[in-house]
């Protein structure tokens, strides 16, 4: 059976899985745990949240449902109340690059948060999710009236700009092998960053891994095989077990 066929269950405790699923997932330069940035909704008081939700439109999304798609008219942002959302860009040639997986508390729809133009990338639900769309005009009015919302949105934009700047720097300066190694370390880091041997706590297909580092499925397969031969990782069906975190990090550096 090929690694991309039937997903094997992970053996990690539910608590570790929950911790990883609540984190922002993106390509990291050093393979260390990622600072998930500001939880916008947690920064607002109950009354402020009630005002925001009263102005917005709440929608439930099944896995695979789009919050919006690249090229569509842009108007406002979508706050993530529950679930997880993947943002990605598609090149004119059809190649995808994942920007990040966003958990609850973040928003999607940057950079033109007040509306105008077209969406520069796509955001899609990866699991059952609930979003609250706030049109640009309403968002503009609310940030005038609620200082905490203005601060929260600014901090969210700063965090996103840091994420995308780091992604650009990594793509331009690191090899695909180094990017994959750091990605594996990052995906394992939320479970136990101090451990030298650990298992990735959630499932990603080789195609999804490729999209996160700007590579191809075949290149991912070849590099994983190389890591196995070097004793850095072990593969059990769909599960990747990191045997030597220090060795993998040294190879990437």
Protein backbone atom coordinates (compact mmCIF):
# COMPACT_ATOMS: atom_id res chain seq x y z
CA UNK A 1 0.00 0.00 0.00
CA UNK A 2 1.40 3.41 -0.96
CA UNK A 3 1.77 6.10 1.73
CA UNK A 4 -0.98 8.23 0.22
CA UNK A 5 -3.71 5.58 0.22
CA UNK A 6 -5.68 4.59 3.33
CA UNK A 7 -4.72 6.87 6.24
CA UNK A 8 -3.48 4.99 9.31
CA UNK A 9 -4.65 6.20 12.71
CA UNK A 10 -2.17 8.14 14.77
CA UNK A 11 -1.08 6.71 18.09
CA UNK A 12 -0.70 10.10 19.78
CA UNK A 13 -2.89 10.98 22.79
CA UNK A 14 -5.96 13.05 22.08
CA UNK A 15 -4.54 15.91 24.15
CA UNK A 16 -1.51 16.19 21.87
CA UNK A 17 -3.68 16.12 18.77
CA UNK A 18 -5.93 18.86 20.17
CA UNK A 19 -2.89 21.03 20.94
CA UNK A 20 -1.58 20.72 17.40
CA UNK A 21 -4.97 21.28 15.79
CA UNK A 22 -5.38 24.54 17.72
CA UNK A 23 -2.04 25.90 16.45
CA UNK A 24 -1.31 27.82 13.28
CA UNK A 25 0.41 25.42 10.88
CA UNK A 26 2.83 26.81 8.32
CA UNK A 27 6.35 26.39 7.01
CA UNK A 28 8.88 27.28 9.68
CA UNK A 29 12.52 28.21 9.20
CA UNK A 30 13.85 26.41 12.27
CA UNK A 31 11.42 23.54 12.92
CA UNK A 32 10.55 24.87 16.37
CA UNK A 33 7.02 25.26 17.79
CA UNK A 34 5.16 28.07 16.05
CA UNK A 35 3.82 31.05 17.93
CA UNK A 36 0.17 30.92 16.89
CA UNK A 37 -0.25 34.67 17.19
CA UNK A 38 -3.21 36.60 18.55
CA UNK A 39 -6.59 34.95 19.05
CA UNK A 40 -8.71 37.84 17.81
CA UNK A 41 -11.94 36.67 19.40
CA UNK A 42 -10.30 36.15 22.81
CA UNK A 43 -9.17 39.78 22.77
CA UNK A 44 -12.77 41.04 22.81
CA UNK A 45 -15.14 41.27 25.76
CA UNK A 46 -18.44 39.33 25.67
CA UNK A 47 -20.31 42.54 24.83
CA UNK A 48 -17.86 43.39 22.04
CA UNK A 49 -18.14 39.89 20.64
CA UNK A 50 -21.92 40.12 20.70
CA UNK A 51 -21.78 43.38 18.72
CA UNK A 52 -19.41 41.86 16.17
CA UNK A 53 -21.50 38.73 15.68
CA UNK A 54 -24.71 40.78 15.44
CA UNK A 55 -23.23 42.74 12.53
CA UNK A 56 -21.74 39.72 10.76
CA UNK A 57 -23.19 36.73 8.95
CA UNK A 58 -22.47 33.33 10.47
CA UNK A 59 -22.03 30.39 8.10
CA UNK A 60 -21.25 26.71 8.65
CA UNK A 61 -18.76 25.06 6.31
CA UNK A 62 -18.24 21.37 5.61
CA UNK A 63 -14.72 20.12 4.80
CA UNK A 64 -13.89 21.31 1.29
CA UNK A 65 -16.30 24.27 1.35
CA UNK A 66 -14.73 27.57 0.29
CA UNK A 67 -14.82 30.67 2.46
CA UNK A 68 -13.79 32.46 -0.74
CA UNK A 69 -11.74 31.71 -3.85
CA UNK A 70 -8.85 33.42 -5.55
CA UNK A 71 -10.04 36.00 -8.05
CA UNK A 72 -13.47 36.56 -6.48
CA UNK A 73 -14.53 40.11 -5.52
CA UNK A 74 -13.16 41.01 -2.09
CA UNK A 75 -15.35 42.49 0.64
CA UNK A 76 -14.43 42.17 4.29
CA UNK A 77 -13.03 39.32 6.37
CA UNK A 78 -14.17 36.01 7.85
CA UNK A 79 -13.59 35.33 11.55
CA UNK A 80 -13.09 31.62 12.34
CA UNK A 81 -15.30 30.66 15.29
CA UNK A 82 -14.61 26.91 15.08
CA UNK A 83 -12.66 24.56 12.86
CA UNK A 84 -9.57 25.01 10.74
CA UNK A 85 -9.08 26.79 7.40
CA UNK A 86 -6.36 26.38 4.79
CA UNK A 87 -5.25 29.42 2.77
CA UNK A 88 -3.40 28.78 -0.47
CA UNK A 89 -2.32 30.46 -3.70
CA UNK A 90 -2.58 28.93 -7.19
CA UNK A 91 -0.06 30.06 -9.79
CA UNK A 92 -1.05 30.74 -13.41
CA UNK A 93 0.45 27.33 -14.22
CA UNK A 94 -1.77 25.58 -11.67
CA UNK A 95 0.82 24.98 -8.92
CA UNK A 96 -0.46 25.39 -5.35
CA UNK A 97 1.43 26.79 -2.38
CA UNK A 98 -0.10 26.57 1.08
CA UNK A 99 0.22 29.81 3.03
CA UNK A 100 -1.03 28.48 6.38
CA UNK A 101 -3.66 26.45 8.20
CA UNK A 102 -5.60 28.85 10.43
CA UNK A 103 -7.42 27.66 13.60
CA UNK A 104 -10.31 29.28 15.45
CA UNK A 105 -9.75 32.81 16.67
CA UNK A 106 -8.00 33.96 13.50
CA UNK A 107 -9.50 35.56 10.41
CA UNK A 108 -9.08 35.04 6.68
CA UNK A 109 -9.55 37.63 3.96
CA UNK A 110 -6.41 39.76 4.24
CA UNK A 111 -4.83 41.92 3.07
CA UNK A 112 -7.57 44.28 1.85
CA UNK A 113 -9.70 43.77 4.95
CA UNK A 114 -12.00 46.73 4.25
CA UNK A 115 -12.93 45.42 0.81
CA UNK A 116 -12.03 46.26 -2.75
CA UNK A 117 -10.27 44.39 -5.50
CA UNK A 118 -10.13 40.60 -5.75
CA UNK A 119 -9.07 37.88 -3.37
CA UNK A 120 -5.39 37.11 -3.87
CA UNK A 121 -5.70 33.52 -2.64
CA UNK A 122 -8.24 30.89 -1.60
CA UNK A 123 -9.41 29.84 1.88
CA UNK A 124 -11.14 26.49 2.34
CA UNK A 125 -12.47 24.61 5.39
CA UNK A 126 -10.38 21.55 6.27
CA UNK A 127 -12.87 20.28 8.86
CA UNK A 128 -16.37 21.29 9.95
CA UNK A 129 -15.99 25.01 10.58
CA UNK A 130 -18.03 28.07 11.45
CA UNK A 131 -17.10 31.50 10.13
CA UNK A 132 -18.52 34.97 10.64
CA UNK A 133 -18.28 37.23 7.59
CA UNK A 134 -18.05 40.92 8.32
CA UNK A 135 -18.34 43.14 5.22
CA UNK A 136 -15.76 45.90 4.84
CA UNK A 137 -18.20 48.75 5.50
CA UNK A 138 -19.43 47.18 8.74
CA UNK A 139 -15.89 46.34 9.83
CA UNK A 140 -14.82 49.94 9.23
CA UNK A 141 -17.68 51.20 11.43
CA UNK A 142 -16.99 48.70 14.20
CA UNK A 143 -13.26 49.42 14.44
CA UNK A 144 -14.15 53.08 14.91
CA UNK A 145 -16.47 52.17 17.77
CA UNK A 146 -14.54 49.30 19.41
CA UNK A 147 -10.86 50.10 20.11
CA UNK A 148 -10.16 46.47 21.14
CA UNK A 149 -11.34 45.27 17.73
CA UNK A 150 -9.09 47.77 15.95
CA UNK A 151 -6.09 46.60 18.01
CA UNK A 152 -6.96 42.93 17.49
CA UNK A 153 -7.29 43.30 13.71
CA UNK A 154 -4.01 45.22 13.50
CA UNK A 155 -2.22 42.53 15.52
CA UNK A 156 -3.76 39.88 13.28
CA UNK A 157 -2.50 41.68 10.17
CA UNK A 158 0.98 42.07 11.68
CA UNK A 159 1.12 38.36 12.47
CA UNK A 160 0.00 37.40 8.97
CA UNK A 161 2.57 39.69 7.38
CA UNK A 162 5.29 38.07 9.49
CA UNK A 163 4.11 34.60 8.45
CA UNK A 164 4.09 35.43 4.75
CA UNK A 165 7.40 37.28 4.92
CA UNK A 166 8.99 34.26 6.59
CA UNK A 167 7.48 31.99 3.92
CA UNK A 168 8.99 34.13 1.16
CA UNK A 169 12.40 34.13 2.82
CA UNK A 170 12.36 30.36 3.36
CA UNK A 171 11.28 29.59 -0.20
CA UNK A 172 14.05 31.79 -1.54
CA UNK A 173 16.92 30.60 0.67
CA UNK A 174 16.37 26.93 1.62
CA UNK A 175 16.49 23.75 -0.43
CA UNK A 176 13.43 21.52 -0.74
CA UNK A 177 15.14 18.94 1.48
CA UNK A 178 15.73 21.51 4.20
CA UNK A 179 12.18 22.84 3.91
CA UNK A 180 10.69 19.35 4.28
CA UNK A 181 12.86 18.53 7.28
CA UNK A 182 11.89 21.73 9.05
CA UNK A 183 8.24 21.14 8.20
CA UNK A 184 8.30 17.66 9.76
CA UNK A 185 9.94 19.04 12.89
CA UNK A 186 7.36 21.84 13.05
CA UNK A 187 4.43 19.44 12.66
CA UNK A 188 5.81 17.28 15.46
CA UNK A 189 6.82 20.19 17.70
CA UNK A 190 3.37 20.92 19.25
CA UNK A 191 3.35 17.44 20.83
CA UNK A 192 6.71 17.47 22.59
CA UNK A 193 9.30 19.99 21.42
CA UNK A 194 11.96 18.68 23.84
CA UNK A 195 11.80 15.05 22.68
CA UNK A 196 14.31 13.62 20.21
CA UNK A 197 11.89 10.92 19.08
CA UNK A 198 8.29 11.82 18.33
CA UNK A 199 5.39 11.10 16.02
CA UNK A 200 3.62 13.64 13.86
CA UNK A 201 0.27 14.11 15.55
CA UNK A 202 -1.88 14.55 12.46
CA UNK A 203 -2.16 13.24 8.95
CA UNK A 204 -0.95 15.04 5.84
CA UNK A 205 -0.76 13.39 2.43
CA UNK A 206 2.43 13.71 0.42
CA UNK A 207 0.63 16.14 -1.88
CA UNK A 208 -0.33 18.33 1.10
CA UNK A 209 3.25 18.28 2.35
CA UNK A 210 4.41 19.23 -1.15
CA UNK A 211 2.01 22.18 -1.23
CA UNK A 212 3.38 23.42 2.08
CA UNK A 213 6.98 23.57 0.87
CA UNK A 214 6.50 24.40 -2.81
CA UNK A 215 7.52 20.98 -4.09
CA UNK A 216 6.02 17.95 -5.85
CA UNK A 217 4.60 14.70 -4.52
CA UNK A 218 7.37 12.68 -6.16
CA UNK A 219 10.05 14.88 -4.60
CA UNK A 220 8.43 14.46 -1.18
CA UNK A 221 8.39 10.67 -1.59
CA UNK A 222 12.06 10.57 -2.61
CA UNK A 223 13.15 12.82 0.25
CA UNK A 224 11.19 10.84 2.84
CA UNK A 225 12.84 7.65 1.55
CA UNK A 226 16.23 9.35 1.97
CA UNK A 227 15.37 10.35 5.54
CA UNK A 228 14.39 6.73 6.28
CA UNK A 229 17.69 5.37 4.92
CA UNK A 230 19.60 7.87 7.04
CA UNK A 231 17.78 6.70 10.17
CA UNK A 232 16.15 10.08 10.75
CA UNK A 233 12.52 8.98 10.45
CA UNK A 234 10.43 5.82 10.35
CA UNK A 235 7.28 5.40 8.28
CA UNK A 236 4.44 3.16 9.40
CA UNK A 237 1.76 3.32 6.75
CA UNK A 238 0.67 6.94 6.78
CA UNK A 239 2.40 7.77 10.06
CA UNK A 240 5.78 9.49 10.16
CA UNK A 241 7.82 8.88 13.30
CA UNK A 242 10.87 11.10 13.82
CA UNK A 243 13.67 8.99 15.26
CA UNK A 244 16.41 11.61 15.43
CA UNK A 245 15.20 15.20 15.76
CA UNK A 246 18.70 16.59 16.28
CA UNK A 247 20.04 14.71 13.27
CA UNK A 248 17.16 15.90 11.09
CA UNK A 249 17.67 19.49 12.20
CA UNK A 250 21.42 19.27 11.58
CA UNK A 251 20.81 17.94 8.08
CA UNK A 252 18.43 20.80 7.34
CA UNK A 253 20.80 23.42 8.69
